[in-house]
């Protein structure tokens, strides 16, 4: 590879997207190459390095899933055994879900339990408290009915299962079972464990004119730990990815999980209603992508001002990681990764499909309000076109300098899938699925992996 060319191109893209810094990792045929560009903090101008530590966000779920599969290997937990087997006091509002939800439902985001876990605090009992707090949590959708991403709750329940079985806190489990055996020195599960001299500062980009400003939230609450609080470097993320490529073994040959567990993680899949933005299927702690016929495993992560991307190409013996302290922008990650993939002669990332302007739709079937706590989407027809209005909470709108109601036109790809372009230069085109028609109306809207049910009419 021409690393200097890739570094120069990445630096050029950083300037274009106004992202302060990035570190890129490339695992090819067992060897890791990494490079860093930009700065880790705009206020100090200190350069990003290959040792800079970033917040992984939801990429933490892949780490947690690997640790959980170790318990499966040891026969201490079964993927299809009810959670109540391990947590006898587990309870949610729906008695059937209480009795039947399994670790597999939690790993692949088909449990449907609302993220209604209250304020569990920042103590070592946070995951125990989260499980206690969901006794009245309703269902977003029936158990196993559709995919709907759980940002924090699903993986917190998995963490609590591990804690009860192992007699240790989740943070200690991750250190003792993964970070230590993999030989990782820059990876941790809590912000106070990160070396401040190596930590990237998150930045929010509200306008191209203003440029990046420091994030108002230095890290996510501890409730997000198993699903969002791992910190790592681009190289050490690839050390974890090697476990998938290496059928359960680390780069030095250490057995982390069994080959069977890797096959389970990658082979146990459910369909994703919106297949275009990330991938058509979700496995156990991994997204499954289809790049021009080649299967690629992935996970993304974002905190408020930091982002992580991981792509694993088993057929090509490649894994790529990208960590940034500004964004997120799908188009940035795609341009960087496509430069590297083309250099390696590998398959590149597919473009989004084109809209079908000739498709005739009964727009009334899609109209309505789709919402859940913290998210509201209003779909309406006007002048023969379909529109989605995203409703921001007042604080978010004020901080971002945006209106509280942002309209987007929905351009049909099929009877259930739409492109959602934006006229904001800081936003990429997104995709939306509106689906599951009953009595002439859609029941769910799925975008950014999240599912939002149609609101009941008053």
Protein backbone atom coordinates (compact mmCIF):
# COMPACT_ATOMS: atom_id res chain seq x y z
CA UNK A 1 0.00 0.00 0.00
CA UNK A 2 0.97 3.58 -0.62
CA UNK A 3 0.47 4.68 2.98
CA UNK A 4 1.67 8.21 2.35
CA UNK A 5 -0.95 8.66 -0.36
CA UNK A 6 -3.68 7.30 1.92
CA UNK A 7 -2.52 9.58 4.74
CA UNK A 8 -2.55 12.60 2.44
CA UNK A 9 -6.00 11.77 1.10
CA UNK A 10 -7.38 11.23 4.62
CA UNK A 11 -5.96 14.59 5.71
CA UNK A 12 -7.58 16.23 2.68
CA UNK A 13 -10.94 14.69 3.59
CA UNK A 14 -10.60 15.81 7.21
CA UNK A 15 -10.31 19.38 6.01
CA UNK A 16 -13.29 18.98 3.70
CA UNK A 17 -15.52 17.56 6.45
CA UNK A 18 -14.07 19.79 9.20
CA UNK A 19 -13.30 16.75 11.39
CA UNK A 20 -10.39 17.52 13.75
CA UNK A 21 -8.58 14.18 13.75
CA UNK A 22 -8.68 10.54 12.76
CA UNK A 23 -6.73 7.34 13.22
CA UNK A 24 -7.01 4.57 10.65
CA UNK A 25 -6.12 0.91 11.16
CA UNK A 26 -5.59 -1.67 8.41
CA UNK A 27 -5.34 -5.40 9.14
CA UNK A 28 -4.28 -7.33 6.02
CA UNK A 29 -3.03 -10.90 5.97
CA UNK A 30 -2.38 -10.80 9.71
CA UNK A 31 -0.34 -7.56 9.71
CA UNK A 32 -1.58 -4.24 11.11
CA UNK A 33 -0.70 -0.86 9.63
CA UNK A 34 -2.04 2.32 11.21
CA UNK A 35 -1.82 6.03 10.54
CA UNK A 36 -3.03 9.22 12.20
CA UNK A 37 -3.93 12.64 10.82
CA UNK A 38 -5.21 15.89 12.30
CA UNK A 39 -5.41 16.88 15.95
CA UNK A 40 -6.91 15.19 18.98
CA UNK A 41 -8.11 18.49 20.47
CA UNK A 42 -8.70 21.71 18.52
CA UNK A 43 -8.11 23.88 21.60
CA UNK A 44 -4.55 22.60 22.09
CA UNK A 45 -3.65 21.66 18.52
CA UNK A 46 -1.96 18.51 19.85
CA UNK A 47 -1.66 16.05 16.96
CA UNK A 48 -3.55 12.79 16.84
CA UNK A 49 -1.28 9.75 16.90
CA UNK A 50 -1.68 6.06 16.28
CA UNK A 51 -1.80 5.71 20.08
CA UNK A 52 -4.65 8.20 20.53
CA UNK A 53 -7.57 6.66 22.43
CA UNK A 54 -11.09 7.26 21.16
CA UNK A 55 -14.54 6.40 22.45
CA UNK A 56 -15.92 3.36 20.63
CA UNK A 57 -19.61 4.14 21.22
CA UNK A 58 -21.81 1.26 20.10
CA UNK A 59 -18.83 -0.65 18.73
CA UNK A 60 -18.56 -1.59 22.41
CA UNK A 61 -21.35 -4.09 21.74
CA UNK A 62 -19.01 -6.27 19.68
CA UNK A 63 -16.59 -6.36 22.60
CA UNK A 64 -19.39 -7.28 25.02
CA UNK A 65 -20.75 -9.95 22.67
CA UNK A 66 -17.32 -11.61 22.48
CA UNK A 67 -17.09 -11.70 26.28
CA UNK A 68 -20.59 -13.15 26.50
CA UNK A 69 -19.69 -15.91 24.03
CA UNK A 70 -16.92 -16.99 26.40
CA UNK A 71 -19.62 -17.81 28.96
CA UNK A 72 -21.44 -19.76 26.24
CA UNK A 73 -18.24 -21.69 25.49
CA UNK A 74 -17.91 -22.52 29.18
CA UNK A 75 -21.47 -23.85 29.36
CA UNK A 76 -22.43 -21.22 31.93
CA UNK A 77 -25.11 -19.63 29.77
CA UNK A 78 -27.15 -20.66 26.72
CA UNK A 79 -28.21 -18.30 23.96
CA UNK A 80 -31.78 -19.62 23.82
CA UNK A 81 -32.44 -20.10 27.53
CA UNK A 82 -34.73 -17.46 29.09
CA UNK A 83 -32.94 -14.58 30.79
CA UNK A 84 -34.92 -15.44 33.95
CA UNK A 85 -32.88 -18.63 34.22
CA UNK A 86 -29.92 -16.44 35.21
CA UNK A 87 -31.78 -13.44 36.64
CA UNK A 88 -34.78 -14.88 38.52
CA UNK A 89 -36.05 -11.42 39.42
CA UNK A 90 -36.06 -10.21 35.81
CA UNK A 91 -39.41 -8.72 34.83
CA UNK A 92 -40.86 -6.32 32.25
CA UNK A 93 -44.44 -5.18 31.63
CA UNK A 94 -45.30 -7.98 29.19
CA UNK A 95 -45.52 -11.34 31.03
CA UNK A 96 -44.74 -13.30 27.86
CA UNK A 97 -41.55 -11.31 27.27
CA UNK A 98 -40.64 -11.70 30.93
CA UNK A 99 -40.84 -15.47 30.56
CA UNK A 100 -39.43 -15.91 27.07
CA UNK A 101 -36.78 -13.27 26.23
CA UNK A 102 -33.36 -14.85 25.71
CA UNK A 103 -29.77 -13.65 25.34
CA UNK A 104 -30.09 -14.16 21.58
CA UNK A 105 -32.96 -11.65 21.48
CA UNK A 106 -30.75 -9.17 23.32
CA UNK A 107 -27.67 -9.76 21.17
CA UNK A 108 -29.51 -9.29 17.86
CA UNK A 109 -31.85 -6.48 18.99
CA UNK A 110 -35.17 -8.28 18.57
CA UNK A 111 -36.29 -8.10 22.22
CA UNK A 112 -38.47 -5.02 21.67
CA UNK A 113 -38.21 -3.78 25.28
CA UNK A 114 -38.41 0.00 25.58
CA UNK A 115 -35.28 1.72 26.96
CA UNK A 116 -37.25 2.69 30.04
CA UNK A 117 -34.58 2.13 32.70
CA UNK A 118 -34.83 5.42 34.57
CA UNK A 119 -31.76 6.91 36.27
CA UNK A 120 -29.65 3.97 37.51
CA UNK A 121 -26.76 6.19 38.59
CA UNK A 122 -23.00 5.84 38.14
CA UNK A 123 -22.27 3.26 40.82
CA UNK A 124 -20.93 -0.26 40.50
CA UNK A 125 -24.52 -1.56 40.82
CA UNK A 126 -25.66 0.31 37.69
CA UNK A 127 -26.60 -2.80 35.65
CA UNK A 128 -28.34 -4.43 38.59
CA UNK A 129 -30.38 -1.24 39.02
CA UNK A 130 -31.18 -1.08 35.31
CA UNK A 131 -32.64 -4.58 35.44
CA UNK A 132 -34.66 -3.67 38.53
CA UNK A 133 -35.90 -0.45 36.94
CA UNK A 134 -37.46 -2.07 33.84
CA UNK A 135 -40.14 -4.01 35.72
CA UNK A 136 -42.76 -1.80 34.07
CA UNK A 137 -41.02 -1.25 30.72
CA UNK A 138 -43.44 -1.66 27.79
CA UNK A 139 -42.79 -3.28 24.43
CA UNK A 140 -41.92 -1.22 21.36
CA UNK A 141 -42.86 -4.32 19.34
CA UNK A 142 -43.67 -7.95 20.18
CA UNK A 143 -40.78 -10.20 21.13
CA UNK A 144 -38.84 -11.32 18.05
CA UNK A 145 -41.23 -9.53 15.68
CA UNK A 146 -38.79 -7.11 14.05
CA UNK A 147 -35.31 -5.69 14.50
CA UNK A 148 -35.08 -2.54 16.58
CA UNK A 149 -31.74 -1.35 17.91
CA UNK A 150 -31.30 -1.10 21.69
CA UNK A 151 -28.72 1.57 22.47
CA UNK A 152 -28.11 0.66 26.12
CA UNK A 153 -30.64 -1.66 27.74
CA UNK A 154 -30.20 -4.94 25.85
CA UNK A 155 -26.46 -5.19 26.40
CA UNK A 156 -26.76 -3.94 29.99
CA UNK A 157 -28.99 -6.97 30.70
CA UNK A 158 -26.33 -9.21 29.13
CA UNK A 159 -23.73 -7.55 31.34
CA UNK A 160 -25.82 -8.23 34.41
CA UNK A 161 -26.14 -11.90 33.45
CA UNK A 162 -22.34 -12.09 33.23
CA UNK A 163 -21.94 -10.32 36.57
CA UNK A 164 -24.24 -12.75 38.37
CA UNK A 165 -22.53 -15.79 36.84
CA UNK A 166 -18.96 -14.57 37.33
CA UNK A 167 -19.32 -12.72 40.63
CA UNK A 168 -17.46 -9.70 39.19
CA UNK A 169 -18.49 -6.35 37.78
CA UNK A 170 -18.77 -5.98 34.01
CA UNK A 171 -15.72 -3.71 33.85
CA UNK A 172 -13.57 -6.35 35.57
CA UNK A 173 -14.97 -9.07 33.34
CA UNK A 174 -13.97 -7.15 30.22
CA UNK A 175 -10.47 -6.49 31.56
CA UNK A 176 -9.86 -10.05 32.73
CA UNK A 177 -11.47 -11.90 29.84
CA UNK A 178 -10.71 -9.69 26.82
CA UNK A 179 -8.46 -6.68 27.25
CA UNK A 180 -5.79 -8.55 29.23
CA UNK A 181 -5.66 -11.77 27.16
CA UNK A 182 -5.54 -9.71 23.96
CA UNK A 183 -2.57 -7.75 25.32
CA UNK A 184 -4.32 -4.39 25.04
CA UNK A 185 -2.85 -1.45 26.93
CA UNK A 186 -5.01 1.36 25.55
CA UNK A 187 -8.42 -0.28 25.83
CA UNK A 188 -10.69 0.18 28.84
CA UNK A 189 -14.36 0.30 29.72
CA UNK A 190 -14.56 3.41 31.90
CA UNK A 191 -13.62 7.04 31.20
CA UNK A 192 -11.62 7.31 34.43
CA UNK A 193 -9.39 4.44 33.24
CA UNK A 194 -8.29 6.31 30.10
CA UNK A 195 -4.86 7.93 30.06
CA UNK A 196 -5.75 11.64 29.75
CA UNK A 197 -2.55 12.25 27.83
CA UNK A 198 -3.73 9.91 25.07
CA UNK A 199 -7.47 10.65 25.06
CA UNK A 200 -9.12 12.36 22.09
CA UNK A 201 -11.52 15.20 22.81
CA UNK A 202 -14.93 14.87 21.16
CA UNK A 203 -16.11 17.69 18.91
CA UNK A 204 -19.49 18.70 17.52
CA UNK A 205 -19.68 20.35 14.10
CA UNK A 206 -22.71 22.63 13.94
CA UNK A 207 -21.74 24.52 10.80
CA UNK A 208 -18.91 24.55 8.30
CA UNK A 209 -18.29 28.21 9.11
CA UNK A 210 -17.97 27.71 12.84
CA UNK A 211 -16.01 24.47 12.60
CA UNK A 212 -15.61 21.92 15.39
CA UNK A 213 -16.37 22.85 19.01
CA UNK A 214 -15.76 20.70 22.09
CA UNK A 215 -18.59 18.30 22.91
CA UNK A 216 -20.81 19.34 25.85
CA UNK A 217 -20.83 15.70 27.01
CA UNK A 218 -17.32 14.34 27.64
CA UNK A 219 -18.56 10.74 27.79
CA UNK A 220 -21.75 8.69 27.94
CA UNK A 221 -23.37 7.77 31.27
CA UNK A 222 -22.25 4.50 32.82
CA UNK A 223 -25.60 2.90 31.92
CA UNK A 224 -24.29 2.77 28.34
CA UNK A 225 -21.13 0.88 29.37
CA UNK A 226 -21.66 -2.56 27.75
CA UNK A 227 -23.29 -0.94 24.74
CA UNK A 228 -21.21 2.21 24.37
CA UNK A 229 -18.38 2.98 26.79
CA UNK A 230 -15.35 0.99 25.63
CA UNK A 231 -12.38 3.23 24.76
CA UNK A 232 -9.68 2.00 22.40
CA UNK A 233 -7.23 2.75 19.61
CA UNK A 234 -7.61 1.89 15.95
CA UNK A 235 -4.91 -0.78 16.26
CA UNK A 236 -6.45 -2.39 19.33
CA UNK A 237 -9.91 -2.47 17.73
CA UNK A 238 -8.25 -4.53 14.98
CA UNK A 239 -6.79 -6.85 17.61
CA UNK A 240 -10.39 -7.60 18.54
CA UNK A 241 -11.38 -7.92 14.87
CA UNK A 242 -8.65 -10.52 14.41
CA UNK A 243 -10.58 -12.79 16.77
CA UNK A 244 -13.37 -12.86 14.17
CA UNK A 245 -10.98 -13.29 11.25
CA UNK A 246 -8.90 -15.84 13.16
CA UNK A 247 -11.80 -18.12 14.10
CA UNK A 248 -11.59 -17.17 17.75
CA UNK A 249 -7.85 -16.68 18.16
CA UNK A 250 -5.85 -13.52 18.87
CA UNK A 251 -2.95 -12.56 16.62
CA UNK A 252 -0.51 -14.33 18.97
CA UNK A 253 -2.56 -17.53 18.83
CA UNK A 254 -4.29 -17.11 22.19
CA UNK A 255 -7.73 -18.71 22.12
CA UNK A 256 -10.31 -16.03 23.03
CA UNK A 257 -13.51 -17.83 22.01
CA UNK A 258 -14.17 -21.07 20.19
CA UNK A 259 -14.42 -21.24 16.42
CA UNK A 260 -18.01 -22.37 16.98
CA UNK A 261 -18.77 -19.16 18.86
CA UNK A 262 -17.43 -17.08 15.98
CA UNK A 263 -19.63 -19.06 13.59
CA UNK A 264 -22.58 -18.43 15.89
CA UNK A 265 -21.83 -14.72 16.12
CA UNK A 266 -21.60 -14.33 12.35
CA UNK A 267 -24.17 -16.91 11.27
CA UNK A 268 -27.11 -16.27 13.60
CA UNK A 269 -28.89 -13.46 11.76
CA UNK A 270 -32.15 -11.56 11.60
CA UNK A 271 -33.27 -9.26 8.78
CA UNK A 272 -32.95 -5.49 9.22
CA UNK A 273 -36.02 -3.60 7.95
CA UNK A 274 -33.84 -0.81 6.49
CA UNK A 275 -31.09 -2.81 4.74
CA UNK A 276 -29.33 0.05 2.98
CA UNK A 277 -27.69 2.29 5.57
CA UNK A 278 -25.76 -0.38 7.45
CA UNK A 279 -26.59 -3.87 6.20
CA UNK A 280 -29.45 -6.27 5.44
CA UNK A 281 -28.94 -8.52 8.50
CA UNK A 282 -27.95 -8.30 12.14
CA UNK A 283 -25.98 -11.10 13.80
CA UNK A 284 -24.76 -11.41 17.41
CA UNK A 285 -22.85 -8.22 18.11
CA UNK A 286 -22.16 -7.67 14.40
CA UNK A 287 -23.93 -6.16 11.41
CA UNK A 288 -23.87 -8.27 8.23
CA UNK A 289 -23.26 -6.30 5.03
CA UNK A 290 -23.40 -7.37 1.39
CA UNK A 291 -20.76 -5.59 -0.70
CA UNK A 292 -21.36 -6.63 -4.29
CA UNK A 293 -21.85 -10.25 -3.23
CA UNK A 294 -19.09 -10.37 -0.59
CA UNK A 295 -20.16 -10.77 3.04
CA UNK A 296 -18.71 -8.12 5.34
CA UNK A 297 -19.13 -7.92 9.12
CA UNK A 298 -19.34 -4.51 10.74
CA UNK A 299 -20.23 -2.37 13.69
CA UNK A 300 -20.32 1.39 14.11
CA UNK A 301 -20.30 3.56 17.19
CA UNK A 302 -20.92 7.19 18.05
CA UNK A 303 -20.83 9.18 21.25
CA UNK A 304 -21.44 12.91 21.42
CA UNK A 305 -18.47 13.99 19.30
CA UNK A 306 -16.52 10.77 18.73
CA UNK A 307 -17.04 7.94 16.26
CA UNK A 308 -15.75 4.49 15.44
CA UNK A 309 -16.11 2.29 12.37
CA UNK A 310 -15.11 -1.36 11.94
CA UNK A 311 -15.37 -3.46 8.78
CA UNK A 312 -14.23 -7.10 8.55
CA UNK A 313 -13.84 -8.81 5.14
CA UNK A 314 -13.17 -12.51 5.85
CA UNK A 315 -12.86 -13.56 2.20
CA UNK A 316 -10.16 -10.94 1.63
CA UNK A 317 -8.37 -11.30 4.99
CA UNK A 318 -8.93 -7.60 5.68
CA UNK A 319 -10.26 -5.58 8.59
CA UNK A 320 -10.41 -1.78 8.70
CA UNK A 321 -10.96 0.54 11.65
CA UNK A 322 -11.51 4.29 11.68
CA UNK A 323 -11.69 6.45 14.81
CA UNK A 324 -12.55 10.15 14.69
CA UNK A 325 -13.21 12.97 17.14
CA UNK A 326 -15.85 14.74 15.06
CA UNK A 327 -18.78 13.84 12.84
CA UNK A 328 -20.26 11.27 12.25
CA UNK A 329 -20.36 11.33 8.47
CA UNK A 330 -21.05 8.19 6.50
CA UNK A 331 -19.60 9.72 3.37
CA UNK A 332 -16.28 10.43 5.14
CA UNK A 333 -15.83 6.87 6.34
CA UNK A 334 -16.81 5.49 2.93
CA UNK A 335 -14.31 7.67 1.07
CA UNK A 336 -11.47 6.76 3.43
CA UNK A 337 -12.22 3.04 3.40
CA UNK A 338 -12.74 2.95 -0.37
CA UNK A 339 -9.29 4.50 -0.88
CA UNK A 340 -7.76 1.69 1.17
CA UNK A 341 -9.89 -1.10 -0.32
CA UNK A 342 -9.07 0.00 -3.87
CA UNK A 343 -5.38 0.09 -2.96
CA UNK A 344 -5.67 -3.52 -1.71
CA UNK A 345 -7.62 -4.65 -4.76
CA UNK A 346 -10.63 -5.51 -2.59
CA UNK A 347 -14.33 -4.96 -3.07
CA UNK A 348 -15.50 -1.42 -2.27
CA UNK A 349 -18.55 -0.12 -0.42
CA UNK A 350 -21.76 -0.08 -2.48
CA UNK A 351 -23.51 3.19 -3.16
CA UNK A 352 -27.05 3.76 -1.93
CA UNK A 353 -29.72 2.72 -4.45
CA UNK A 354 -31.26 5.30 -6.76
CA UNK A 355 -34.84 6.48 -6.19
CA UNK A 356 -37.60 5.18 -8.45
CA UNK A 357 -39.52 8.31 -9.56
CA UNK A 358 -41.96 6.24 -11.60
CA UNK A 359 -43.15 4.22 -8.59
CA UNK A 360 -46.79 4.97 -7.80
CA UNK A 361 -47.59 4.77 -4.10
CA UNK A 362 -50.73 5.23 -2.05
CA UNK A 363 -49.23 7.89 0.18
CA UNK A 364 -52.01 7.65 2.74
CA UNK A 365 -50.68 4.24 3.83
CA UNK A 366 -47.51 5.87 5.20
CA UNK A 367 -48.95 9.03 6.76
CA UNK A 368 -48.95 9.26 10.52
CA UNK A 369 -46.81 9.84 13.60
CA UNK A 370 -44.16 7.29 14.55
CA UNK A 371 -42.55 7.77 17.92
CA UNK A 372 -40.96 6.43 21.06
CA UNK A 373 -39.37 8.30 23.98
CA UNK A 374 -36.79 10.72 22.61
CA UNK A 375 -37.76 10.36 18.95
CA UNK A 376 -40.72 11.58 16.91
CA UNK A 377 -41.22 11.33 13.15
CA UNK A 378 -44.25 12.82 11.39
CA UNK A 379 -44.95 11.49 7.89
CA UNK A 380 -47.32 13.45 5.68
CA UNK A 381 -48.26 13.79 2.02
CA UNK A 382 -48.31 17.12 0.21
CA UNK A 383 -48.60 17.82 -3.49
CA UNK A 384 -48.22 14.16 -4.40
CA UNK A 385 -44.95 13.88 -2.46
CA UNK A 386 -44.18 12.23 0.86
CA UNK A 387 -42.46 14.14 3.65
CA UNK A 388 -40.92 13.19 6.97
CA UNK A 389 -40.61 15.80 9.71
CA UNK A 390 -38.08 14.99 12.41
CA UNK A 391 -38.91 16.64 15.74
CA UNK A 392 -35.89 17.59 17.88
CA UNK A 393 -36.09 18.26 21.60
CA UNK A 394 -35.65 21.97 22.39
CA UNK A 395 -32.22 21.62 24.07
CA UNK A 396 -30.78 19.65 21.16
CA UNK A 397 -32.19 22.09 18.62
CA UNK A 398 -30.81 25.06 20.53
CA UNK A 399 -27.33 23.60 20.92
CA UNK A 400 -27.12 22.53 17.26
CA UNK A 401 -28.59 25.81 16.03
CA UNK A 402 -31.37 23.99 14.18
CA UNK A 403 -35.15 24.38 14.14
CA UNK A 404 -37.14 22.02 16.33
CA UNK A 405 -38.91 20.61 13.23
CA UNK A 406 -36.83 19.55 10.24
CA UNK A 407 -38.64 18.38 7.07
CA UNK A 408 -37.16 15.89 4.59
CA UNK A 409 -38.65 14.62 1.36
CA UNK A 410 -38.90 10.83 1.12
CA UNK A 411 -37.93 9.47 -2.30
CA UNK A 412 -39.20 5.92 -2.91
CA UNK A 413 -36.80 3.07 -3.62
CA UNK A 414 -39.52 0.42 -3.25
CA UNK A 415 -42.96 0.14 -1.64
CA UNK A 416 -41.35 0.15 1.81
CA UNK A 417 -37.98 1.88 1.44
CA UNK A 418 -37.08 5.52 0.90
CA UNK A 419 -34.10 7.81 0.49
CA UNK A 420 -34.11 10.85 2.76
CA UNK A 421 -31.75 13.46 1.26
CA UNK A 422 -30.85 16.64 3.13
CA UNK A 423 -30.05 20.14 1.97
CA UNK A 424 -27.78 20.56 5.02
CA UNK A 425 -24.12 20.23 3.90
CA UNK A 426 -23.35 18.54 7.23
CA UNK A 427 -25.85 15.73 6.65
CA UNK A 428 -25.59 12.74 4.35
CA UNK A 429 -28.54 11.11 2.64
CA UNK A 430 -30.22 8.65 4.98
CA UNK A 431 -32.55 5.74 4.31
CA UNK A 432 -35.90 4.93 5.90
CA UNK A 433 -38.14 1.87 5.95
CA UNK A 434 -41.89 2.28 6.55
CA UNK A 435 -43.41 -1.17 6.67
CA UNK A 436 -45.69 -3.84 8.16
CA UNK A 437 -49.02 -2.72 6.73
CA UNK A 438 -52.17 -3.66 8.61
CA UNK A 439 -55.64 -2.28 7.87
CA UNK A 440 -54.15 -0.12 5.13
CA UNK A 441 -51.52 1.65 7.25
CA UNK A 442 -47.86 1.03 8.08
CA UNK A 443 -47.13 0.08 11.70
CA UNK A 444 -43.40 0.86 11.94
CA UNK A 445 -40.78 3.35 10.75
CA UNK A 446 -37.18 2.12 10.87
CA UNK A 447 -34.22 4.47 10.40
CA UNK A 448 -30.67 4.59 11.78
CA UNK A 449 -31.32 1.01 13.00
CA UNK A 450 -34.03 2.23 15.40
CA UNK A 451 -37.65 1.14 15.11
CA UNK A 452 -40.46 3.56 15.89
CA UNK A 453 -44.06 2.30 16.13
CA UNK A 454 -47.04 4.20 14.79
CA UNK A 455 -48.52 6.33 17.56
CA UNK A 456 -52.03 5.44 18.64
CA UNK A 457 -54.64 7.95 17.62
CA UNK A 458 -56.24 9.77 20.53
